[in-house]
Amino acid sequence: MSGVEGIEPNVPPSGTGCLECEAAGGWWFHLRRCAQCGHIGCCDDSPAKHATAHYRATGHPVIRSFEPDEAWFWNFATEELFTEGPELAPPAGHPADQPVPGPAGRVPEDWARTLG
């Protein structure tokens, strides 16, 4: 994965949850981190798919899982999965006590029915 444009290892994440879901009072299934600007967005199984929307709006091609103990990267531009890559500024994932799906108190009872 060396030499891939779109990775800025020193940029910290934008927060501990999906930026847009937090602003709108929504919820997410899993979280993804833009490897270029640190934007935290929700995965494509989440209702709003904010990580993919961020790629489409900015052209930032690489995301990393923002789930604890996951270190894979996805390149939207090449549609390649990388099981490892450079270390990014901490934290590497959302807080371990943050539920999945999350955040606590905003996940509907029938959330599993909505998964893509």
PDB file of N, CA and C in Angstrom:
ATOM      1  N   MET A   1       0.821  -1.184   0.000  1.00  0.00           N
ATOM      2  CA  MET A   1       0.000   0.000   0.000  1.00  0.00           C
ATOM      3  C   MET A   1       0.869   1.253   0.000  1.00  0.00           C
ATOM      4  N   SER A   2       2.161   1.107   0.033  1.00  0.00           N
ATOM      5  CA  SER A   2       3.019   2.289   0.011  1.00  0.00           C
ATOM      6  C   SER A   2       2.898   2.993  -1.329  1.00  0.00           C
ATOM      7  N   GLY A   3       2.997   4.301  -1.302  1.00  0.00           N
ATOM      8  CA  GLY A   3       2.895   5.085  -2.515  1.00  0.00           C
ATOM      9  C   GLY A   3       1.472   5.402  -2.937  1.00  0.00           C
ATOM     10  N   VAL A   4       0.485   5.057  -2.136  1.00  0.00           N
ATOM     11  CA  VAL A   4      -0.901   5.332  -2.474  1.00  0.00           C
ATOM     12  C   VAL A   4      -1.236   6.768  -2.092  1.00  0.00           C
ATOM     13  N   GLU A   5      -1.746   7.524  -3.061  1.00  0.00           N
ATOM     14  CA  GLU A   5      -2.175   8.881  -2.759  1.00  0.00           C
ATOM     15  C   GLU A   5      -3.449   8.833  -1.942  1.00  0.00           C
ATOM     16  N   GLY A   6      -3.646   9.840  -1.106  1.00  0.00           N
ATOM     17  CA  GLY A   6      -4.862   9.915  -0.324  1.00  0.00           C
ATOM     18  C   GLY A   6      -4.722   9.439   1.100  1.00  0.00           C
ATOM     19  N   ILE A   7      -3.485   9.266   1.567  1.00  0.00           N
ATOM     20  CA  ILE A   7      -3.272   8.869   2.956  1.00  0.00           C
ATOM     21  C   ILE A   7      -2.387   9.913   3.625  1.00  0.00           C
ATOM     22  N   GLU A   8      -2.907  10.507   4.675  1.00  0.00           N
ATOM     23  CA  GLU A   8      -2.167  11.480   5.484  1.00  0.00           C
ATOM     24  C   GLU A   8      -2.097  10.921   6.900  1.00  0.00           C
ATOM     25  N   PRO A   9      -1.028  10.201   7.250  1.00  0.00           N
ATOM     26  CA  PRO A   9      -0.951   9.490   8.531  1.00  0.00           C
ATOM     27  C   PRO A   9      -1.045  10.374   9.774  1.00  0.00           C
ATOM     28  N   ASN A  10      -0.713  11.649   9.679  1.00  0.00           N
ATOM     29  CA  ASN A  10      -0.688  12.501  10.865  1.00  0.00           C
ATOM     30  C   ASN A  10      -2.002  13.211  11.166  1.00  0.00           C
ATOM     31  N   VAL A  11      -3.019  13.038  10.317  1.00  0.00           N
ATOM     32  CA  VAL A  11      -4.303  13.713  10.517  1.00  0.00           C
ATOM     33  C   VAL A  11      -5.161  12.888  11.474  1.00  0.00           C
ATOM     34  N   PRO A  12      -5.613  13.489  12.580  1.00  0.00           N
ATOM     35  CA  PRO A  12      -6.442  12.738  13.532  1.00  0.00           C
ATOM     36  C   PRO A  12      -7.870  12.562  13.019  1.00  0.00           C
ATOM     37  N   PRO A  13      -8.613  11.610  13.582  1.00  0.00           N
ATOM     38  CA  PRO A  13     -10.015  11.432  13.193  1.00  0.00           C
ATOM     39  C   PRO A  13     -10.860  12.624  13.625  1.00  0.00           C
ATOM     40  N   SER A  14     -11.972  12.826  12.933  1.00  0.00           N
ATOM     41  CA  SER A  14     -12.845  13.976  13.191  1.00  0.00           C
ATOM     42  C   SER A  14     -13.662  13.830  14.467  1.00  0.00           C
ATOM     43  N   GLY A  15     -13.697  12.669  15.058  1.00  0.00           N
ATOM     44  CA  GLY A  15     -14.457  12.428  16.279  1.00  0.00           C
ATOM     45  C   GLY A  15     -14.570  10.947  16.542  1.00  0.00           C
ATOM     46  N   THR A  16     -15.546  10.559  17.357  1.00  0.00           N
ATOM     47  CA  THR A  16     -15.717   9.151  17.702  1.00  0.00           C
ATOM     48  C   THR A  16     -16.929   8.515  17.042  1.00  0.00           C
ATOM     49  N   GLY A  17     -17.698   9.315  16.296  1.00  0.00           N
ATOM     50  CA  GLY A  17     -18.874   8.810  15.600  1.00  0.00           C
ATOM     51  C   GLY A  17     -19.006   9.464  14.245  1.00  0.00           C
ATOM     52  N   CYS A  18     -19.968   8.999  13.453  1.00  0.00           N
ATOM     53  CA  CYS A  18     -20.208   9.557  12.126  1.00  0.00           C
ATOM     54  C   CYS A  18     -20.574  11.036  12.265  1.00  0.00           C
ATOM     55  N   LEU A  19     -19.814  11.879  11.607  1.00  0.00           N
ATOM     56  CA  LEU A  19     -19.994  13.326  11.699  1.00  0.00           C
ATOM     57  C   LEU A  19     -21.405  13.755  11.305  1.00  0.00           C
ATOM     58  N   GLU A  20     -21.892  13.279  10.174  1.00  0.00           N
ATOM     59  CA  GLU A  20     -23.205  13.677   9.679  1.00  0.00           C
ATOM     60  C   GLU A  20     -24.339  13.055  10.494  1.00  0.00           C
ATOM     61  N   CYS A  21     -24.197  11.794  10.903  1.00  0.00           N
ATOM     62  CA  CYS A  21     -25.230  11.170  11.730  1.00  0.00           C
ATOM     63  C   CYS A  21     -25.339  11.881  13.074  1.00  0.00           C
ATOM     64  N   GLU A  22     -24.212  12.257  13.641  1.00  0.00           N
ATOM     65  CA  GLU A  22     -24.242  12.988  14.914  1.00  0.00           C
ATOM     66  C   GLU A  22     -25.000  14.300  14.741  1.00  0.00           C
ATOM     67  N   ALA A  23     -24.727  15.014  13.664  1.00  0.00           N
ATOM     68  CA  ALA A  23     -25.374  16.307  13.430  1.00  0.00           C
ATOM     69  C   ALA A  23     -26.874  16.167  13.199  1.00  0.00           C
ATOM     70  N   ALA A  24     -27.282  15.060  12.569  1.00  0.00           N
ATOM     71  CA  ALA A  24     -28.691  14.861  12.213  1.00  0.00           C
ATOM     72  C   ALA A  24     -29.466  14.032  13.237  1.00  0.00           C
ATOM     73  N   GLY A  25     -28.774  13.528  14.262  1.00  0.00           N
ATOM     74  CA  GLY A  25     -29.441  12.679  15.241  1.00  0.00           C
ATOM     75  C   GLY A  25     -29.683  11.276  14.739  1.00  0.00           C
ATOM     76  N   GLY A  26     -28.887  10.843  13.752  1.00  0.00           N
ATOM     77  CA  GLY A  26     -29.032   9.510  13.172  1.00  0.00           C
ATOM     78  C   GLY A  26     -28.208   8.465  13.894  1.00  0.00           C
ATOM     79  N   TRP A  27     -28.118   7.298  13.283  1.00  0.00           N
ATOM     80  CA  TRP A  27     -27.361   6.190  13.858  1.00  0.00           C
ATOM     81  C   TRP A  27     -26.580   5.480  12.756  1.00  0.00           C
ATOM     82  N   TRP A  28     -25.647   4.637  13.148  1.00  0.00           N
ATOM     83  CA  TRP A  28     -24.791   3.926  12.197  1.00  0.00           C
ATOM     84  C   TRP A  28     -24.599   2.483  12.630  1.00  0.00           C
ATOM     85  N   PHE A  29     -24.146   1.689  11.656  1.00  0.00           N
ATOM     86  CA  PHE A  29     -23.806   0.298  11.946  1.00  0.00           C
ATOM     87  C   PHE A  29     -22.311   0.206  12.251  1.00  0.00           C
ATOM     88  N   HIS A  30     -21.467   0.455  11.272  1.00  0.00           N
ATOM     89  CA  HIS A  30     -20.015   0.493  11.487  1.00  0.00           C
ATOM     90  C   HIS A  30     -19.470   1.831  11.009  1.00  0.00           C
ATOM     91  N   LEU A  31     -18.281   2.162  11.497  1.00  0.00           N
ATOM     92  CA  LEU A  31     -17.665   3.449  11.163  1.00  0.00           C
ATOM     93  C   LEU A  31     -16.430   3.274  10.291  1.00  0.00           C
ATOM     94  N   ARG A  32     -16.213   4.254   9.417  1.00  0.00           N
ATOM     95  CA  ARG A  32     -15.064   4.298   8.522  1.00  0.00           C
ATOM     96  C   ARG A  32     -14.387   5.655   8.664  1.00  0.00           C
ATOM     97  N   ARG A  33     -13.069   5.655   8.498  1.00  0.00           N
ATOM     98  CA  ARG A  33     -12.264   6.867   8.652  1.00  0.00           C
ATOM     99  C   ARG A  33     -11.583   7.201   7.334  1.00  0.00           C
ATOM    100  N   CYS A  34     -11.750   8.428   6.872  1.00  0.00           N
ATOM    101  CA  CYS A  34     -11.032   8.874   5.678  1.00  0.00           C
ATOM    102  C   CYS A  34      -9.552   8.953   6.031  1.00  0.00           C
ATOM    103  N   ALA A  35      -8.723   8.277   5.253  1.00  0.00           N
ATOM    104  CA  ALA A  35      -7.289   8.249   5.530  1.00  0.00           C
ATOM    105  C   ALA A  35      -6.595   9.537   5.112  1.00  0.00           C
ATOM    106  N   GLN A  36      -7.302  10.412   4.427  1.00  0.00           N
ATOM    107  CA  GLN A  36      -6.708  11.670   3.982  1.00  0.00           C
ATOM    108  C   GLN A  36      -7.024  12.822   4.940  1.00  0.00           C
ATOM    109  N   CYS A  37      -8.302  12.974   5.328  1.00  0.00           N
ATOM    110  CA  CYS A  37      -8.675  14.132   6.156  1.00  0.00           C
ATOM    111  C   CYS A  37      -9.183  13.760   7.538  1.00  0.00           C
ATOM    112  N   GLY A  38      -9.361  12.469   7.822  1.00  0.00           N
ATOM    113  CA  GLY A  38      -9.802  12.031   9.138  1.00  0.00           C
ATOM    114  C   GLY A  38     -11.305  11.994   9.341  1.00  0.00           C
ATOM    115  N   HIS A  39     -12.083  12.362   8.317  1.00  0.00           N
ATOM    116  CA  HIS A  39     -13.549  12.359   8.426  1.00  0.00           C
ATOM    117  C   HIS A  39     -14.046  10.980   8.849  1.00  0.00           C
ATOM    118  N   ILE A  40     -14.892  10.941   9.874  1.00  0.00           N
ATOM    119  CA  ILE A  40     -15.521   9.685  10.279  1.00  0.00           C
ATOM    120  C   ILE A  40     -16.923   9.653   9.684  1.00  0.00           C
ATOM    121  N   GLY A  41     -17.191   8.598   8.926  1.00  0.00           N
ATOM    122  CA  GLY A  41     -18.487   8.408   8.301  1.00  0.00           C
ATOM    123  C   GLY A  41     -18.977   6.995   8.540  1.00  0.00           C
ATOM    124  N   CYS A  42     -20.260   6.778   8.306  1.00  0.00           N
ATOM    125  CA  CYS A  42     -20.846   5.456   8.510  1.00  0.00           C
ATOM    126  C   CYS A  42     -20.693   4.596   7.248  1.00  0.00           C
ATOM    127  N   CYS A  43     -20.677   3.288   7.463  1.00  0.00           N
ATOM    128  CA  CYS A  43     -20.464   2.318   6.385  1.00  0.00           C
ATOM    129  C   CYS A  43     -21.681   2.198   5.472  1.00  0.00           C
ATOM    130  N   ASP A  44     -21.525   1.464   4.396  1.00  0.00           N
ATOM    131  CA  ASP A  44     -22.606   1.295   3.428  1.00  0.00           C
ATOM    132  C   ASP A  44     -23.736   0.393   3.923  1.00  0.00           C
ATOM    133  N   ASP A  45     -23.568  -0.297   5.035  1.00  0.00           N
ATOM    134  CA  ASP A  45     -24.670  -1.032   5.639  1.00  0.00           C
ATOM    135  C   ASP A  45     -25.501  -0.119   6.536  1.00  0.00           C
ATOM    136  N   SER A  46     -24.991   1.046   6.840  1.00  0.00           N
ATOM    137  CA  SER A  46     -25.714   2.029   7.643  1.00  0.00           C
ATOM    138  C   SER A  46     -26.752   2.720   6.762  1.00  0.00           C
ATOM    139  N   PRO A  47     -27.823   3.238   7.367  1.00  0.00           N
ATOM    140  CA  PRO A  47     -28.873   3.875   6.558  1.00  0.00           C
ATOM    141  C   PRO A  47     -28.379   5.011   5.663  1.00  0.00           C
ATOM    142  N   ALA A  48     -27.441   5.817   6.132  1.00  0.00           N
ATOM    143  CA  ALA A  48     -27.064   7.017   5.378  1.00  0.00           C
ATOM    144  C   ALA A  48     -25.799   6.888   4.524  1.00  0.00           C
ATOM    145  N   LYS A  49     -24.982   5.881   4.734  1.00  0.00           N
ATOM    146  CA  LYS A  49     -23.803   5.627   3.892  1.00  0.00           C
ATOM    147  C   LYS A  49     -22.892   6.860   3.743  1.00  0.00           C
ATOM    148  N   HIS A  50     -22.595   7.515   4.862  1.00  0.00           N
ATOM    149  CA  HIS A  50     -21.843   8.762   4.802  1.00  0.00           C
ATOM    150  C   HIS A  50     -20.378   8.619   4.390  1.00  0.00           C
ATOM    151  N   ALA A  51     -19.736   7.477   4.631  1.00  0.00           N
ATOM    152  CA  ALA A  51     -18.341   7.322   4.204  1.00  0.00           C
ATOM    153  C   ALA A  51     -18.238   7.351   2.674  1.00  0.00           C
ATOM    154  N   THR A  52     -19.125   6.642   1.999  1.00  0.00           N
ATOM    155  CA  THR A  52     -19.129   6.661   0.540  1.00  0.00           C
ATOM    156  C   THR A  52     -19.513   8.043   0.025  1.00  0.00           C
ATOM    157  N   ALA A  53     -20.475   8.687   0.668  1.00  0.00           N
ATOM    158  CA  ALA A  53     -20.860  10.047   0.268  1.00  0.00           C
ATOM    159  C   ALA A  53     -19.693  11.008   0.402  1.00  0.00           C
ATOM    160  N   HIS A  54     -18.883  10.830   1.443  1.00  0.00           N
ATOM    161  CA  HIS A  54     -17.695  11.676   1.625  1.00  0.00           C
ATOM    162  C   HIS A  54     -16.714  11.476   0.464  1.00  0.00           C
ATOM    163  N   TYR A  55     -16.496  10.236   0.071  1.00  0.00           N
ATOM    164  CA  TYR A  55     -15.615   9.967  -1.081  1.00  0.00           C
ATOM    165  C   TYR A  55     -16.150  10.651  -2.336  1.00  0.00           C
ATOM    166  N   ARG A  56     -17.429  10.511  -2.597  1.00  0.00           N
ATOM    167  CA  ARG A  56     -18.024  11.103  -3.803  1.00  0.00           C
ATOM    168  C   ARG A  56     -17.940  12.631  -3.785  1.00  0.00           C
ATOM    169  N   ALA A  57     -18.080  13.227  -2.606  1.00  0.00           N
ATOM    170  CA  ALA A  57     -18.053  14.693  -2.493  1.00  0.00           C
ATOM    171  C   ALA A  57     -16.634  15.265  -2.546  1.00  0.00           C
ATOM    172  N   THR A  58     -15.660  14.516  -2.029  1.00  0.00           N
ATOM    173  CA  THR A  58     -14.299  15.057  -1.896  1.00  0.00           C
ATOM    174  C   THR A  58     -13.284  14.428  -2.835  1.00  0.00           C
ATOM    175  N   GLY A  59     -13.540  13.198  -3.275  1.00  0.00           N
ATOM    176  CA  GLY A  59     -12.546  12.473  -4.062  1.00  0.00           C
ATOM    177  C   GLY A  59     -11.464  11.838  -3.214  1.00  0.00           C
ATOM    178  N   HIS A  60     -11.574  11.915  -1.892  1.00  0.00           N
ATOM    179  CA  HIS A  60     -10.591  11.259  -1.017  1.00  0.00           C
ATOM    180  C   HIS A  60     -10.789   9.750  -1.155  1.00  0.00           C
ATOM    181  N   PRO A  61      -9.820   9.033  -1.721  1.00  0.00           N
ATOM    182  CA  PRO A  61     -10.073   7.666  -2.152  1.00  0.00           C
ATOM    183  C   PRO A  61      -9.969   6.562  -1.102  1.00  0.00           C
ATOM    184  N   VAL A  62      -9.255   6.787  -0.009  1.00  0.00           N
ATOM    185  CA  VAL A  62      -8.940   5.672   0.893  1.00  0.00           C
ATOM    186  C   VAL A  62      -9.620   5.856   2.253  1.00  0.00           C
ATOM    187  N   ILE A  63     -10.271   4.791   2.712  1.00  0.00           N
ATOM    188  CA  ILE A  63     -10.823   4.760   4.058  1.00  0.00           C
ATOM    189  C   ILE A  63     -10.169   3.634   4.834  1.00  0.00           C
ATOM    190  N   ARG A  64     -10.248   3.752   6.136  1.00  0.00           N
ATOM    191  CA  ARG A  64      -9.813   2.678   7.025  1.00  0.00           C
ATOM    192  C   ARG A  64     -10.962   2.383   7.973  1.00  0.00           C
ATOM    193  N   SER A  65     -11.104   1.133   8.360  1.00  0.00           N
ATOM    194  CA  SER A  65     -12.110   0.810   9.358  1.00  0.00           C
ATOM    195  C   SER A  65     -11.824   1.622  10.615  1.00  0.00           C
ATOM    196  N   PHE A  66     -12.879   2.101  11.269  1.00  0.00           N
ATOM    197  CA  PHE A  66     -12.737   2.808  12.539  1.00  0.00           C
ATOM    198  C   PHE A  66     -13.359   1.972  13.660  1.00  0.00           C
ATOM    199  N   GLU A  67     -13.384   0.650  13.431  1.00  0.00           N
ATOM    200  CA  GLU A  67     -13.844  -0.290  14.441  1.00  0.00           C
ATOM    201  C   GLU A  67     -12.636  -0.777  15.241  1.00  0.00           C
ATOM    202  N   PRO A  68     -12.782  -0.913  16.560  1.00  0.00           N
ATOM    203  CA  PRO A  68     -11.666  -1.403  17.368  1.00  0.00           C
ATOM    204  C   PRO A  68     -11.128  -2.732  16.836  1.00  0.00           C
ATOM    205  N   ASP A  69      -9.822  -2.855  16.829  1.00  0.00           N
ATOM    206  CA  ASP A  69      -9.125  -4.080  16.418  1.00  0.00           C
ATOM    207  C   ASP A  69      -9.258  -4.421  14.940  1.00  0.00           C
ATOM    208  N   GLU A  70      -9.657  -3.469  14.099  1.00  0.00           N
ATOM    209  CA  GLU A  70      -9.675  -3.667  12.649  1.00  0.00           C
ATOM    210  C   GLU A  70      -8.723  -2.652  12.026  1.00  0.00           C
ATOM    211  N   ALA A  71      -7.878  -3.114  11.113  1.00  0.00           N
ATOM    212  CA  ALA A  71      -6.884  -2.219  10.519  1.00  0.00           C
ATOM    213  C   ALA A  71      -6.896  -2.243   8.996  1.00  0.00           C
ATOM    214  N   TRP A  72      -7.977  -2.718   8.376  1.00  0.00           N
ATOM    215  CA  TRP A  72      -8.021  -2.794   6.912  1.00  0.00           C
ATOM    216  C   TRP A  72      -8.336  -1.435   6.293  1.00  0.00           C
ATOM    217  N   PHE A  73      -7.914  -1.300   5.040  1.00  0.00           N
ATOM    218  CA  PHE A  73      -8.147  -0.094   4.241  1.00  0.00           C
ATOM    219  C   PHE A  73      -8.918  -0.489   2.985  1.00  0.00           C
ATOM    220  N   TRP A  74      -9.701   0.437   2.450  1.00  0.00           N
ATOM    221  CA  TRP A  74     -10.409   0.254   1.188  1.00  0.00           C
ATOM    222  C   TRP A  74     -10.118   1.457   0.316  1.00  0.00           C
ATOM    223  N   ASN A  75      -9.751   1.199  -0.942  1.00  0.00           N
ATOM    224  CA  ASN A  75      -9.509   2.268  -1.899  1.00  0.00           C
ATOM    225  C   ASN A  75     -10.710   2.321  -2.841  1.00  0.00           C
ATOM    226  N   PHE A  76     -11.519   3.373  -2.713  1.00  0.00           N
ATOM    227  CA  PHE A  76     -12.705   3.525  -3.561  1.00  0.00           C
ATOM    228  C   PHE A  76     -12.318   3.647  -5.030  1.00  0.00           C
ATOM    229  N   ALA A  77     -11.232   4.350  -5.323  1.00  0.00           N
ATOM    230  CA  ALA A  77     -10.839   4.617  -6.707  1.00  0.00           C
ATOM    231  C   ALA A  77     -10.458   3.349  -7.458  1.00  0.00           C
ATOM    232  N   THR A  78      -9.781   2.424  -6.767  1.00  0.00           N
ATOM    233  CA  THR A  78      -9.325   1.201  -7.422  1.00  0.00           C
ATOM    234  C   THR A  78     -10.145  -0.028  -7.020  1.00  0.00           C
ATOM    235  N   GLU A  79     -11.057   0.171  -6.043  1.00  0.00           N
ATOM    236  CA  GLU A  79     -11.858  -0.919  -5.489  1.00  0.00           C
ATOM    237  C   GLU A  79     -10.987  -2.048  -4.957  1.00  0.00           C
ATOM    238  N   GLU A  80      -9.910  -1.657  -4.244  1.00  0.00           N
ATOM    239  CA  GLU A  80      -8.994  -2.630  -3.662  1.00  0.00           C
ATOM    240  C   GLU A  80      -9.090  -2.607  -2.144  1.00  0.00           C
ATOM    241  N   LEU A  81      -9.043  -3.807  -1.551  1.00  0.00           N
ATOM    242  CA  LEU A  81      -9.001  -3.978  -0.115  1.00  0.00           C
ATOM    243  C   LEU A  81      -7.557  -4.269   0.283  1.00  0.00           C
ATOM    244  N   PHE A  82      -7.099  -3.617   1.338  1.00  0.00           N
ATOM    245  CA  PHE A  82      -5.766  -3.849   1.873  1.00  0.00           C
ATOM    246  C   PHE A  82      -5.925  -4.282   3.318  1.00  0.00           C
ATOM    247  N   THR A  83      -5.345  -5.413   3.671  1.00  0.00           N
ATOM    248  CA  THR A  83      -5.492  -5.927   5.030  1.00  0.00           C
ATOM    249  C   THR A  83      -4.572  -5.231   6.019  1.00  0.00           C
ATOM    250  N   GLU A  84      -3.667  -4.428   5.524  1.00  0.00           N
ATOM    251  CA  GLU A  84      -2.794  -3.648   6.401  1.00  0.00           C
ATOM    252  C   GLU A  84      -2.345  -2.403   5.660  1.00  0.00           C
ATOM    253  N   GLY A  85      -1.782  -1.477   6.403  1.00  0.00           N
ATOM    254  CA  GLY A  85      -1.318  -0.228   5.815  1.00  0.00           C
ATOM    255  C   GLY A  85      -0.624   0.598   6.867  1.00  0.00           C
ATOM    256  N   PRO A  86      -0.372   1.857   6.559  1.00  0.00           N
ATOM    257  CA  PRO A  86       0.356   2.693   7.506  1.00  0.00           C
ATOM    258  C   PRO A  86      -0.464   2.987   8.768  1.00  0.00           C
ATOM    259  N   GLU A  87       0.238   3.207   9.859  1.00  0.00           N
ATOM    260  CA  GLU A  87      -0.424   3.635  11.094  1.00  0.00           C
ATOM    261  C   GLU A  87      -0.954   5.043  10.887  1.00  0.00           C
ATOM    262  N   LEU A  88      -2.150   5.296  11.372  1.00  0.00           N
ATOM    263  CA  LEU A  88      -2.738   6.623  11.309  1.00  0.00           C
ATOM    264  C   LEU A  88      -2.738   7.230  12.708  1.00  0.00           C
ATOM    265  N   ALA A  89      -2.843   8.555  12.781  1.00  0.00           N
ATOM    266  CA  ALA A  89      -2.866   9.239  14.074  1.00  0.00           C
ATOM    267  C   ALA A  89      -3.956   8.634  14.952  1.00  0.00           C
ATOM    268  N   PRO A  90      -3.692   8.475  16.229  1.00  0.00           N
ATOM    269  CA  PRO A  90      -4.689   7.895  17.121  1.00  0.00           C
ATOM    270  C   PRO A  90      -5.871   8.826  17.350  1.00  0.00           C
ATOM    271  N   PRO A  91      -6.988   8.239  17.775  1.00  0.00           N
ATOM    272  CA  PRO A  91      -7.202   6.816  18.041  1.00  0.00           C
ATOM    273  C   PRO A  91      -7.474   6.039  16.760  1.00  0.00           C
ATOM    274  N   ALA A  92      -7.222   4.732  16.816  1.00  0.00           N
ATOM    275  CA  ALA A  92      -7.388   3.875  15.644  1.00  0.00           C
ATOM    276  C   ALA A  92      -8.828   3.396  15.474  1.00  0.00           C
ATOM    277  N   GLY A  93      -9.653   3.576  16.486  1.00  0.00           N
ATOM    278  CA  GLY A  93     -11.046   3.159  16.408  1.00  0.00           C
ATOM    279  C   GLY A  93     -11.885   3.912  17.410  1.00  0.00           C
ATOM    280  N   HIS A  94     -13.193   3.745  17.291  1.00  0.00           N
ATOM    281  CA  HIS A  94     -14.088   4.394  18.241  1.00  0.00           C
ATOM    282  C   HIS A  94     -13.882   3.785  19.623  1.00  0.00           C
ATOM    283  N   PRO A  95     -14.344   4.452  20.679  1.00  0.00           N
ATOM    284  CA  PRO A  95     -14.173   3.902  22.029  1.00  0.00           C
ATOM    285  C   PRO A  95     -14.774   2.504  22.139  1.00  0.00           C
ATOM    286  N   ALA A  96     -14.087   1.627  22.843  1.00  0.00           N
ATOM    287  CA  ALA A  96     -14.526   0.237  22.973  1.00  0.00           C
ATOM    288  C   ALA A  96     -15.893   0.128  23.646  1.00  0.00           C
ATOM    289  N   ASP A  97     -16.267   1.100  24.463  1.00  0.00           N
ATOM    290  CA  ASP A  97     -17.561   1.027  25.137  1.00  0.00           C
ATOM    291  C   ASP A  97     -18.697   1.631  24.308  1.00  0.00           C
ATOM    292  N   GLN A  98     -18.389   2.099  23.111  1.00  0.00           N
ATOM    293  CA  GLN A  98     -19.433   2.617  22.206  1.00  0.00           C
ATOM    294  C   GLN A  98     -20.078   1.424  21.513  1.00  0.00           C
ATOM    295  N   PRO A  99     -21.385   1.261  21.620  1.00  0.00           N
ATOM    296  CA  PRO A  99     -22.023   0.064  21.066  1.00  0.00           C
ATOM    297  C   PRO A  99     -22.029   0.044  19.537  1.00  0.00           C
ATOM    298  N   VAL A 100     -22.150  -1.168  19.008  1.00  0.00           N
ATOM    299  CA  VAL A 100     -22.309  -1.383  17.573  1.00  0.00           C
ATOM    300  C   VAL A 100     -23.597  -2.159  17.390  1.00  0.00           C
ATOM    301  N   PRO A 101     -24.579  -1.633  16.684  1.00  0.00           N
ATOM    302  CA  PRO A 101     -24.596  -0.295  16.104  1.00  0.00           C
ATOM    303  C   PRO A 101     -24.671   0.783  17.183  1.00  0.00           C
ATOM    304  N   GLY A 102     -24.461   2.005  16.771  1.00  0.00           N
ATOM    305  CA  GLY A 102     -24.441   3.098  17.728  1.00  0.00           C
ATOM    306  C   GLY A 102     -25.002   4.366  17.119  1.00  0.00           C
ATOM    307  N   PRO A 103     -25.030   5.408  17.874  1.00  0.00           N
ATOM    308  CA  PRO A 103     -24.639   5.478  19.276  1.00  0.00           C
ATOM    309  C   PRO A 103     -25.775   5.017  20.192  1.00  0.00           C
ATOM    310  N   ALA A 104     -25.447   4.788  21.436  1.00  0.00           N
ATOM    311  CA  ALA A 104     -26.433   4.330  22.416  1.00  0.00           C
ATOM    312  C   ALA A 104     -27.597   5.312  22.472  1.00  0.00           C
ATOM    313  N   GLY A 105     -28.792   4.764  22.509  1.00  0.00           N
ATOM    314  CA  GLY A 105     -29.980   5.581  22.645  1.00  0.00           C
ATOM    315  C   GLY A 105     -30.612   6.052  21.350  1.00  0.00           C
ATOM    316  N   ARG A 106     -29.929   5.845  20.204  1.00  0.00           N
ATOM    317  CA  ARG A 106     -30.503   6.310  18.938  1.00  0.00           C
ATOM    318  C   ARG A 106     -30.727   5.185  17.930  1.00  0.00           C
ATOM    319  N   VAL A 107     -30.397   3.972  18.285  1.00  0.00           N
ATOM    320  CA  VAL A 107     -30.538   2.852  17.358  1.00  0.00           C
ATOM    321  C   VAL A 107     -31.956   2.286  17.473  1.00  0.00           C
ATOM    322  N   PRO A 108     -32.681   2.192  16.355  1.00  0.00           N
ATOM    323  CA  PRO A 108     -34.055   1.665  16.431  1.00  0.00           C
ATOM    324  C   PRO A 108     -34.072   0.178  16.801  1.00  0.00           C
ATOM    325  N   GLU A 109     -35.169  -0.240  17.415  1.00  0.00           N
ATOM    326  CA  GLU A 109     -35.322  -1.637  17.829  1.00  0.00           C
ATOM    327  C   GLU A 109     -35.150  -2.601  16.647  1.00  0.00           C
ATOM    328  N   ASP A 110     -35.636  -2.216  15.473  1.00  0.00           N
ATOM    329  CA  ASP A 110     -35.605  -3.096  14.301  1.00  0.00           C
ATOM    330  C   ASP A 110     -34.415  -2.793  13.372  1.00  0.00           C
ATOM    331  N   TRP A 111     -33.294  -2.352  13.944  1.00  0.00           N
ATOM    332  CA  TRP A 111     -32.145  -1.929  13.149  1.00  0.00           C
ATOM    333  C   TRP A 111     -31.642  -3.022  12.211  1.00  0.00           C
ATOM    334  N   ALA A 112     -31.668  -4.270  12.607  1.00  0.00           N
ATOM    335  CA  ALA A 112     -31.129  -5.350  11.761  1.00  0.00           C
ATOM    336  C   ALA A 112     -31.904  -5.472  10.450  1.00  0.00           C
ATOM    337  N   ARG A 113     -33.172  -5.097  10.451  1.00  0.00           N
ATOM    338  CA  ARG A 113     -34.004  -5.181   9.242  1.00  0.00           C
ATOM    339  C   ARG A 113     -33.529  -4.167   8.174  1.00  0.00           C
ATOM    340  N   THR A 114     -32.859  -3.122   8.605  1.00  0.00           N
ATOM    341  CA  THR A 114     -32.460  -2.065   7.689  1.00  0.00           C
ATOM    342  C   THR A 114     -31.094  -2.270   7.041  1.00  0.00           C
ATOM    343  N   LEU A 115     -30.362  -3.296   7.460  1.00  0.00           N
ATOM    344  CA  LEU A 115     -29.011  -3.487   6.924  1.00  0.00           C
ATOM    345  C   LEU A 115     -29.051  -3.768   5.428  1.00  0.00           C
ATOM    346  N   GLY A 116     -28.100  -3.097   4.717  1.00  0.00           N
ATOM    347  CA  GLY A 116     -28.024  -3.228   3.264  1.00  0.00           C
ATOM    348  C   GLY A 116     -27.462  -4.513   2.877  1.00  0.00           C
TER     349      GLY A 116
END
